[in-house]
Amino acid sequence: MNDPLSELFLVICDRREHPKPNSYTCQLFAGGDNKILKKIGEESVEVVMACKDNDLDAIASEVADLLYHTLVAMAHHHVSLDSVYTKLEQRR
């Protein structure tokens, strides 16, 4: 069984290859970098604000949103999650 991040990334990549009507992920892909990167910027600010407020539930929620949108950007650019894991292992 994959970890939740890997499972989410597989779903995102599947949406890229097999678009579904009314899918938020597909709407992001259709908007390209401008839409995807704007969402990453917005979610980054929301993570910062949740941390500033020391709101633990909001931090977890906003980080989840940031991870999701980052995975969409990675899928859009055909960057694998494994390549990110490899970079993390190299830096360890």
PDB file of N, CA and C in Angstrom:
ATOM      1  N   MET A   1       0.834  -1.189   0.000  1.00  0.00           N
ATOM      2  CA  MET A   1       0.000   0.000   0.000  1.00  0.00           C
ATOM      3  C   MET A   1       0.877   1.250   0.000  1.00  0.00           C
ATOM      4  N   ASN A   2       0.500   2.212  -0.815  1.00  0.00           N
ATOM      5  CA  ASN A   2       1.245   3.462  -0.892  1.00  0.00           C
ATOM      6  C   ASN A   2       0.891   4.368   0.276  1.00  0.00           C
ATOM      7  N   ASP A   3       1.755   5.302   0.542  1.00  0.00           N
ATOM      8  CA  ASP A   3       1.452   6.319   1.547  1.00  0.00           C
ATOM      9  C   ASP A   3       0.428   7.295   0.959  1.00  0.00           C
ATOM     10  N   PRO A   4      -0.264   8.064   1.800  1.00  0.00           N
ATOM     11  CA  PRO A   4      -1.319   8.963   1.298  1.00  0.00           C
ATOM     12  C   PRO A   4      -0.825   9.981   0.257  1.00  0.00           C
ATOM     13  N   LEU A   5       0.397  10.482   0.415  1.00  0.00           N
ATOM     14  CA  LEU A   5       0.923  11.444  -0.549  1.00  0.00           C
ATOM     15  C   LEU A   5       1.112  10.786  -1.916  1.00  0.00           C
ATOM     16  N   SER A   6       1.653   9.589  -1.927  1.00  0.00           N
ATOM     17  CA  SER A   6       1.840   8.863  -3.184  1.00  0.00           C
ATOM     18  C   SER A   6       0.502   8.524  -3.829  1.00  0.00           C
ATOM     19  N   GLU A   7      -0.456   8.115  -3.010  1.00  0.00           N
ATOM     20  CA  GLU A   7      -1.783   7.802  -3.542  1.00  0.00           C
ATOM     21  C   GLU A   7      -2.436   9.037  -4.155  1.00  0.00           C
ATOM     22  N   LEU A   8      -2.320  10.168  -3.476  1.00  0.00           N
ATOM     23  CA  LEU A   8      -2.870  11.414  -4.013  1.00  0.00           C
ATOM     24  C   LEU A   8      -2.184  11.775  -5.327  1.00  0.00           C
ATOM     25  N   PHE A   9      -0.867  11.629  -5.384  1.00  0.00           N
ATOM     26  CA  PHE A   9      -0.135  11.963  -6.603  1.00  0.00           C
ATOM     27  C   PHE A   9      -0.579  11.080  -7.766  1.00  0.00           C
ATOM     28  N   LEU A  10      -0.846   9.809  -7.496  1.00  0.00           N
ATOM     29  CA  LEU A  10      -1.338   8.906  -8.550  1.00  0.00           C
ATOM     30  C   LEU A  10      -2.690   9.365  -9.086  1.00  0.00           C
ATOM     31  N   VAL A  11      -3.566   9.808  -8.195  1.00  0.00           N
ATOM     32  CA  VAL A  11      -4.880  10.311  -8.624  1.00  0.00           C
ATOM     33  C   VAL A  11      -4.702  11.568  -9.475  1.00  0.00           C
ATOM     34  N   ILE A  12      -3.829  12.471  -9.035  1.00  0.00           N
ATOM     35  CA  ILE A  12      -3.579  13.706  -9.778  1.00  0.00           C
ATOM     36  C   ILE A  12      -3.047  13.388 -11.175  1.00  0.00           C
ATOM     37  N   CYS A  13      -2.089  12.490 -11.263  1.00  0.00           N
ATOM     38  CA  CYS A  13      -1.535  12.106 -12.573  1.00  0.00           C
ATOM     39  C   CYS A  13      -2.600  11.444 -13.447  1.00  0.00           C
ATOM     40  N   ASP A  14      -3.468  10.653 -12.842  1.00  0.00           N
ATOM     41  CA  ASP A  14      -4.558  10.032 -13.594  1.00  0.00           C
ATOM     42  C   ASP A  14      -5.492  11.106 -14.154  1.00  0.00           C
ATOM     43  N   ARG A  15      -5.769  12.145 -13.381  1.00  0.00           N
ATOM     44  CA  ARG A  15      -6.627  13.239 -13.863  1.00  0.00           C
ATOM     45  C   ARG A  15      -5.960  13.972 -15.029  1.00  0.00           C
ATOM     46  N   ARG A  16      -4.631  14.088 -14.964  1.00  0.00           N
ATOM     47  CA  ARG A  16      -3.898  14.724 -16.063  1.00  0.00           C
ATOM     48  C   ARG A  16      -4.066  13.917 -17.345  1.00  0.00           C
ATOM     49  N   GLU A  17      -3.967  12.601 -17.218  1.00  0.00           N
ATOM     50  CA  GLU A  17      -4.033  11.726 -18.387  1.00  0.00           C
ATOM     51  C   GLU A  17      -5.462  11.408 -18.816  1.00  0.00           C
ATOM     52  N   HIS A  18      -6.393  11.428 -17.885  1.00  0.00           N
ATOM     53  CA  HIS A  18      -7.793  11.088 -18.159  1.00  0.00           C
ATOM     54  C   HIS A  18      -8.693  12.141 -17.515  1.00  0.00           C
ATOM     55  N   PRO A  19      -8.774  13.323 -18.114  1.00  0.00           N
ATOM     56  CA  PRO A  19      -9.564  14.401 -17.508  1.00  0.00           C
ATOM     57  C   PRO A  19     -11.015  13.990 -17.269  1.00  0.00           C
ATOM     58  N   LYS A  20     -11.537  14.472 -16.156  1.00  0.00           N
ATOM     59  CA  LYS A  20     -12.934  14.214 -15.796  1.00  0.00           C
ATOM     60  C   LYS A  20     -13.655  15.561 -15.690  1.00  0.00           C
ATOM     61  N   PRO A  21     -14.876  15.634 -16.227  1.00  0.00           N
ATOM     62  CA  PRO A  21     -15.633  16.882 -16.133  1.00  0.00           C
ATOM     63  C   PRO A  21     -15.857  17.252 -14.664  1.00  0.00           C
ATOM     64  N   ASN A  22     -15.824  18.524 -14.399  1.00  0.00           N
ATOM     65  CA  ASN A  22     -16.083  19.071 -13.064  1.00  0.00           C
ATOM     66  C   ASN A  22     -15.020  18.712 -12.030  1.00  0.00           C
ATOM     67  N   SER A  23     -13.879  18.207 -12.451  1.00  0.00           N
ATOM     68  CA  SER A  23     -12.787  17.894 -11.532  1.00  0.00           C
ATOM     69  C   SER A  23     -11.982  19.162 -11.273  1.00  0.00           C
ATOM     70  N   TYR A  24     -11.808  19.497  -9.991  1.00  0.00           N
ATOM     71  CA  TYR A  24     -11.013  20.674  -9.638  1.00  0.00           C
ATOM     72  C   TYR A  24      -9.581  20.518 -10.144  1.00  0.00           C
ATOM     73  N   THR A  25      -9.034  19.319 -10.015  1.00  0.00           N
ATOM     74  CA  THR A  25      -7.673  19.070 -10.493  1.00  0.00           C
ATOM     75  C   THR A  25      -7.578  19.344 -11.990  1.00  0.00           C
ATOM     76  N   CYS A  26      -8.566  18.896 -12.752  1.00  0.00           N
ATOM     77  CA  CYS A  26      -8.565  19.135 -14.198  1.00  0.00           C
ATOM     78  C   CYS A  26      -8.702  20.623 -14.516  1.00  0.00           C
ATOM     79  N   GLN A  27      -9.457  21.347 -13.710  1.00  0.00           N
ATOM     80  CA  GLN A  27      -9.570  22.795 -13.892  1.00  0.00           C
ATOM     81  C   GLN A  27      -8.212  23.460 -13.686  1.00  0.00           C
ATOM     82  N   LEU A  28      -7.462  22.984 -12.699  1.00  0.00           N
ATOM     83  CA  LEU A  28      -6.119  23.532 -12.478  1.00  0.00           C
ATOM     84  C   LEU A  28      -5.221  23.242 -13.672  1.00  0.00           C
ATOM     85  N   PHE A  29      -5.239  21.998 -14.145  1.00  0.00           N
ATOM     86  CA  PHE A  29      -4.421  21.656 -15.320  1.00  0.00           C
ATOM     87  C   PHE A  29      -4.796  22.517 -16.522  1.00  0.00           C
ATOM     88  N   ALA A  30      -6.084  22.739 -16.717  1.00  0.00           N
ATOM     89  CA  ALA A  30      -6.547  23.545 -17.857  1.00  0.00           C
ATOM     90  C   ALA A  30      -6.059  24.992 -17.738  1.00  0.00           C
ATOM     91  N   GLY A  31      -5.922  25.473 -16.518  1.00  0.00           N
ATOM     92  CA  GLY A  31      -5.447  26.843 -16.303  1.00  0.00           C
ATOM     93  C   GLY A  31      -3.944  26.986 -16.430  1.00  0.00           C
ATOM     94  N   GLY A  32      -3.249  25.855 -16.477  1.00  0.00           N
ATOM     95  CA  GLY A  32      -1.803  25.869 -16.661  1.00  0.00           C
ATOM     96  C   GLY A  32      -1.056  26.470 -15.480  1.00  0.00           C
ATOM     97  N   ASP A  33       0.197  26.838 -15.743  1.00  0.00           N
ATOM     98  CA  ASP A  33       1.055  27.377 -14.690  1.00  0.00           C
ATOM     99  C   ASP A  33       0.438  28.572 -13.976  1.00  0.00           C
ATOM    100  N   ASN A  34      -0.188  29.475 -14.719  1.00  0.00           N
ATOM    101  CA  ASN A  34      -0.728  30.671 -14.072  1.00  0.00           C
ATOM    102  C   ASN A  34      -1.694  30.315 -12.953  1.00  0.00           C
ATOM    103  N   LYS A  35      -2.621  29.420 -13.213  1.00  0.00           N
ATOM    104  CA  LYS A  35      -3.616  29.043 -12.208  1.00  0.00           C
ATOM    105  C   LYS A  35      -2.984  28.204 -11.095  1.00  0.00           C
ATOM    106  N   ILE A  36      -2.168  27.244 -11.469  1.00  0.00           N
ATOM    107  CA  ILE A  36      -1.552  26.349 -10.486  1.00  0.00           C
ATOM    108  C   ILE A  36      -0.619  27.117  -9.557  1.00  0.00           C
ATOM    109  N   LEU A  37       0.238  27.934 -10.122  1.00  0.00           N
ATOM    110  CA  LEU A  37       1.223  28.653  -9.312  1.00  0.00           C
ATOM    111  C   LEU A  37       0.576  29.725  -8.445  1.00  0.00           C
ATOM    112  N   LYS A  38      -0.497  30.330  -8.937  1.00  0.00           N
ATOM    113  CA  LYS A  38      -1.242  31.289  -8.124  1.00  0.00           C
ATOM    114  C   LYS A  38      -1.776  30.594  -6.871  1.00  0.00           C
ATOM    115  N   LYS A  39      -2.311  29.383  -7.034  1.00  0.00           N
ATOM    116  CA  LYS A  39      -2.836  28.637  -5.890  1.00  0.00           C
ATOM    117  C   LYS A  39      -1.716  28.269  -4.913  1.00  0.00           C
ATOM    118  N   ILE A  40      -0.543  27.914  -5.412  1.00  0.00           N
ATOM    119  CA  ILE A  40       0.579  27.603  -4.524  1.00  0.00           C
ATOM    120  C   ILE A  40       0.945  28.845  -3.709  1.00  0.00           C
ATOM    121  N   GLY A  41       0.970  29.994  -4.348  1.00  0.00           N
ATOM    122  CA  GLY A  41       1.262  31.234  -3.631  1.00  0.00           C
ATOM    123  C   GLY A  41       0.229  31.521  -2.552  1.00  0.00           C
ATOM    124  N   GLU A  42      -1.039  31.377  -2.894  1.00  0.00           N
ATOM    125  CA  GLU A  42      -2.113  31.622  -1.927  1.00  0.00           C
ATOM    126  C   GLU A  42      -2.021  30.656  -0.745  1.00  0.00           C
ATOM    127  N   GLU A  43      -1.811  29.396  -1.045  1.00  0.00           N
ATOM    128  CA  GLU A  43      -1.749  28.398   0.026  1.00  0.00           C
ATOM    129  C   GLU A  43      -0.514  28.596   0.898  1.00  0.00           C
ATOM    130  N   SER A  44       0.590  29.043   0.313  1.00  0.00           N
ATOM    131  CA  SER A  44       1.799  29.320   1.097  1.00  0.00           C
ATOM    132  C   SER A  44       1.533  30.409   2.126  1.00  0.00           C
ATOM    133  N   VAL A  45       0.862  31.463   1.704  1.00  0.00           N
ATOM    134  CA  VAL A  45       0.524  32.555   2.622  1.00  0.00           C
ATOM    135  C   VAL A  45      -0.389  32.040   3.732  1.00  0.00           C
ATOM    136  N   GLU A  46      -1.339  31.182   3.382  1.00  0.00           N
ATOM    137  CA  GLU A  46      -2.255  30.644   4.385  1.00  0.00           C
ATOM    138  C   GLU A  46      -1.532  29.758   5.398  1.00  0.00           C
ATOM    139  N   VAL A  47      -0.504  29.028   4.960  1.00  0.00           N
ATOM    140  CA  VAL A  47       0.317  28.247   5.897  1.00  0.00           C
ATOM    141  C   VAL A  47       1.028  29.186   6.851  1.00  0.00           C
ATOM    142  N   VAL A  48       1.624  30.229   6.323  1.00  0.00           N
ATOM    143  CA  VAL A  48       2.331  31.199   7.153  1.00  0.00           C
ATOM    144  C   VAL A  48       1.401  31.810   8.193  1.00  0.00           C
ATOM    145  N   MET A  49       0.212  32.207   7.761  1.00  0.00           N
ATOM    146  CA  MET A  49      -0.731  32.843   8.688  1.00  0.00           C
ATOM    147  C   MET A  49      -1.213  31.863   9.754  1.00  0.00           C
ATOM    148  N   ALA A  50      -1.465  30.621   9.391  1.00  0.00           N
ATOM    149  CA  ALA A  50      -1.880  29.620  10.373  1.00  0.00           C
ATOM    150  C   ALA A  50      -0.773  29.374  11.395  1.00  0.00           C
ATOM    151  N   CYS A  51       0.472  29.345  10.928  1.00  0.00           N
ATOM    152  CA  CYS A  51       1.604  29.174  11.847  1.00  0.00           C
ATOM    153  C   CYS A  51       1.738  30.383  12.767  1.00  0.00           C
ATOM    154  N   LYS A  52       1.576  31.566  12.206  1.00  0.00           N
ATOM    155  CA  LYS A  52       1.663  32.796  13.003  1.00  0.00           C
ATOM    156  C   LYS A  52       0.626  32.782  14.107  1.00  0.00           C
ATOM    157  N   ASP A  53      -0.563  32.263  13.804  1.00  0.00           N
ATOM    158  CA  ASP A  53      -1.652  32.205  14.784  1.00  0.00           C
ATOM    159  C   ASP A  53      -1.548  30.984  15.705  1.00  0.00           C
ATOM    160  N   ASN A  54      -0.567  30.119  15.444  1.00  0.00           N
ATOM    161  CA  ASN A  54      -0.376  28.892  16.215  1.00  0.00           C
ATOM    162  C   ASN A  54      -1.660  28.057  16.270  1.00  0.00           C
ATOM    163  N   ASP A  55      -2.353  28.020  15.124  1.00  0.00           N
ATOM    164  CA  ASP A  55      -3.601  27.252  15.005  1.00  0.00           C
ATOM    165  C   ASP A  55      -3.250  25.893  14.413  1.00  0.00           C
ATOM    166  N   LEU A  56      -3.086  24.901  15.269  1.00  0.00           N
ATOM    167  CA  LEU A  56      -2.572  23.601  14.843  1.00  0.00           C
ATOM    168  C   LEU A  56      -3.451  22.927  13.800  1.00  0.00           C
ATOM    169  N   ASP A  57      -4.764  22.994  13.967  1.00  0.00           N
ATOM    170  CA  ASP A  57      -5.663  22.389  12.986  1.00  0.00           C
ATOM    171  C   ASP A  57      -5.572  23.113  11.649  1.00  0.00           C
ATOM    172  N   ALA A  58      -5.522  24.430  11.694  1.00  0.00           N
ATOM    173  CA  ALA A  58      -5.406  25.214  10.457  1.00  0.00           C
ATOM    174  C   ALA A  58      -4.060  24.965   9.781  1.00  0.00           C
ATOM    175  N   ILE A  59      -3.007  24.811  10.563  1.00  0.00           N
ATOM    176  CA  ILE A  59      -1.685  24.522   9.984  1.00  0.00           C
ATOM    177  C   ILE A  59      -1.755  23.208   9.197  1.00  0.00           C
ATOM    178  N   ALA A  60      -2.308  22.175   9.815  1.00  0.00           N
ATOM    179  CA  ALA A  60      -2.410  20.880   9.138  1.00  0.00           C
ATOM    180  C   ALA A  60      -3.249  20.998   7.874  1.00  0.00           C
ATOM    181  N   SER A  61      -4.355  21.716   7.960  1.00  0.00           N
ATOM    182  CA  SER A  61      -5.248  21.867   6.810  1.00  0.00           C
ATOM    183  C   SER A  61      -4.575  22.646   5.679  1.00  0.00           C
ATOM    184  N   GLU A  62      -3.930  23.745   6.019  1.00  0.00           N
ATOM    185  CA  GLU A  62      -3.284  24.569   4.989  1.00  0.00           C
ATOM    186  C   GLU A  62      -2.072  23.877   4.387  1.00  0.00           C
ATOM    187  N   VAL A  63      -1.320  23.128   5.183  1.00  0.00           N
ATOM    188  CA  VAL A  63      -0.191  22.373   4.634  1.00  0.00           C
ATOM    189  C   VAL A  63      -0.713  21.301   3.678  1.00  0.00           C
ATOM    190  N   ALA A  64      -1.826  20.664   4.029  1.00  0.00           N
ATOM    191  CA  ALA A  64      -2.428  19.673   3.126  1.00  0.00           C
ATOM    192  C   ALA A  64      -2.791  20.331   1.794  1.00  0.00           C
ATOM    193  N   ASP A  65      -3.389  21.524   1.847  1.00  0.00           N
ATOM    194  CA  ASP A  65      -3.733  22.243   0.613  1.00  0.00           C
ATOM    195  C   ASP A  65      -2.481  22.593  -0.190  1.00  0.00           C
ATOM    196  N   LEU A  66      -1.438  23.048   0.509  1.00  0.00           N
ATOM    197  CA  LEU A  66      -0.187  23.407  -0.165  1.00  0.00           C
ATOM    198  C   LEU A  66       0.451  22.178  -0.819  1.00  0.00           C
ATOM    199  N   LEU A  67       0.465  21.063  -0.107  1.00  0.00           N
ATOM    200  CA  LEU A  67       1.018  19.832  -0.688  1.00  0.00           C
ATOM    201  C   LEU A  67       0.241  19.415  -1.926  1.00  0.00           C
ATOM    202  N   TYR A  68      -1.081  19.455  -1.837  1.00  0.00           N
ATOM    203  CA  TYR A  68      -1.917  19.080  -2.989  1.00  0.00           C
ATOM    204  C   TYR A  68      -1.571  19.941  -4.208  1.00  0.00           C
ATOM    205  N   HIS A  69      -1.565  21.263  -4.035  1.00  0.00           N
ATOM    206  CA  HIS A  69      -1.308  22.142  -5.180  1.00  0.00           C
ATOM    207  C   HIS A  69       0.127  21.990  -5.698  1.00  0.00           C
ATOM    208  N   THR A  70       1.066  21.696  -4.809  1.00  0.00           N
ATOM    209  CA  THR A  70       2.445  21.438  -5.236  1.00  0.00           C
ATOM    210  C   THR A  70       2.513  20.149  -6.060  1.00  0.00           C
ATOM    211  N   LEU A  71       1.765  19.137  -5.647  1.00  0.00           N
ATOM    212  CA  LEU A  71       1.718  17.890  -6.422  1.00  0.00           C
ATOM    213  C   LEU A  71       1.102  18.120  -7.796  1.00  0.00           C
ATOM    214  N   VAL A  72       0.112  18.989  -7.873  1.00  0.00           N
ATOM    215  CA  VAL A  72      -0.476  19.314  -9.176  1.00  0.00           C
ATOM    216  C   VAL A  72       0.580  19.970 -10.063  1.00  0.00           C
ATOM    217  N   ALA A  73       1.349  20.899  -9.510  1.00  0.00           N
ATOM    218  CA  ALA A  73       2.409  21.553 -10.285  1.00  0.00           C
ATOM    219  C   ALA A  73       3.444  20.533 -10.752  1.00  0.00           C
ATOM    220  N   MET A  74       3.812  19.616  -9.864  1.00  0.00           N
ATOM    221  CA  MET A  74       4.775  18.583 -10.245  1.00  0.00           C
ATOM    222  C   MET A  74       4.230  17.723 -11.375  1.00  0.00           C
ATOM    223  N   ALA A  75       2.976  17.314 -11.260  1.00  0.00           N
ATOM    224  CA  ALA A  75       2.369  16.485 -12.311  1.00  0.00           C
ATOM    225  C   ALA A  75       2.280  17.259 -13.621  1.00  0.00           C
ATOM    226  N   HIS A  76       1.947  18.529 -13.527  1.00  0.00           N
ATOM    227  CA  HIS A  76       1.845  19.371 -14.723  1.00  0.00           C
ATOM    228  C   HIS A  76       3.179  19.411 -15.471  1.00  0.00           C
ATOM    229  N   HIS A  77       4.272  19.400 -14.712  1.00  0.00           N
ATOM    230  CA  HIS A  77       5.604  19.460 -15.312  1.00  0.00           C
ATOM    231  C   HIS A  77       6.252  18.080 -15.431  1.00  0.00           C
ATOM    232  N   HIS A  78       5.476  17.025 -15.156  1.00  0.00           N
ATOM    233  CA  HIS A  78       5.949  15.642 -15.271  1.00  0.00           C
ATOM    234  C   HIS A  78       7.174  15.376 -14.397  1.00  0.00           C
ATOM    235  N   VAL A  79       7.130  15.894 -13.178  1.00  0.00           N
ATOM    236  CA  VAL A  79       8.166  15.617 -12.183  1.00  0.00           C
ATOM    237  C   VAL A  79       7.602  14.557 -11.241  1.00  0.00           C
ATOM    238  N   SER A  80       8.306  13.465 -11.082  1.00  0.00           N
ATOM    239  CA  SER A  80       7.792  12.365 -10.260  1.00  0.00           C
ATOM    240  C   SER A  80       7.998  12.646  -8.774  1.00  0.00           C
ATOM    241  N   LEU A  81       7.139  12.056  -7.980  1.00  0.00           N
ATOM    242  CA  LEU A  81       7.293  12.141  -6.529  1.00  0.00           C
ATOM    243  C   LEU A  81       8.554  11.397  -6.103  1.00  0.00           C
ATOM    244  N   ASP A  82       8.875  10.328  -6.796  1.00  0.00           N
ATOM    245  CA  ASP A  82      10.105   9.588  -6.489  1.00  0.00           C
ATOM    246  C   ASP A  82      11.347  10.460  -6.652  1.00  0.00           C
ATOM    247  N   SER A  83      11.335  11.353  -7.648  1.00  0.00           N
ATOM    248  CA  SER A  83      12.501  12.224  -7.836  1.00  0.00           C
ATOM    249  C   SER A  83      12.639  13.196  -6.663  1.00  0.00           C
ATOM    250  N   VAL A  84      11.524  13.608  -6.081  1.00  0.00           N
ATOM    251  CA  VAL A  84      11.571  14.472  -4.900  1.00  0.00           C
ATOM    252  C   VAL A  84      12.092  13.676  -3.703  1.00  0.00           C
ATOM    253  N   TYR A  85      11.600  12.450  -3.550  1.00  0.00           N
ATOM    254  CA  TYR A  85      12.077  11.597  -2.462  1.00  0.00           C
ATOM    255  C   TYR A  85      13.578  11.353  -2.586  1.00  0.00           C
ATOM    256  N   THR A  86      14.061  11.152  -3.811  1.00  0.00           N
ATOM    257  CA  THR A  86      15.491  10.953  -4.036  1.00  0.00           C
ATOM    258  C   THR A  86      16.282  12.178  -3.604  1.00  0.00           C
ATOM    259  N   LYS A  87      15.797  13.370  -3.962  1.00  0.00           N
ATOM    260  CA  LYS A  87      16.482  14.604  -3.553  1.00  0.00           C
ATOM    261  C   LYS A  87      16.535  14.718  -2.037  1.00  0.00           C
ATOM    262  N   LEU A  88      15.425  14.388  -1.377  1.00  0.00           N
ATOM    263  CA  LEU A  88      15.398  14.441   0.079  1.00  0.00           C
ATOM    264  C   LEU A  88      16.397  13.457   0.700  1.00  0.00           C
ATOM    265  N   GLU A  89      16.458  12.252   0.139  1.00  0.00           N
ATOM    266  CA  GLU A  89      17.414  11.255   0.632  1.00  0.00           C
ATOM    267  C   GLU A  89      18.844  11.711   0.436  1.00  0.00           C
ATOM    268  N   GLN A  90      19.132  12.361  -0.704  1.00  0.00           N
ATOM    269  CA  GLN A  90      20.489  12.850  -0.974  1.00  0.00           C
ATOM    270  C   GLN A  90      20.897  13.947   0.001  1.00  0.00           C
ATOM    271  N   ARG A  91      19.931  14.706   0.491  1.00  0.00           N
ATOM    272  CA  ARG A  91      20.217  15.817   1.386  1.00  0.00           C
ATOM    273  C   ARG A  91      20.286  15.396   2.854  1.00  0.00           C
ATOM    274  N   ARG A  92      19.920  14.178   3.117  1.00  0.00           N
ATOM    275  CA  ARG A  92      19.861  13.683   4.477  1.00  0.00           C
ATOM    276  C   ARG A  92      21.213  13.517   5.108  1.00  0.00           C
TER     277      ARG A  92
END
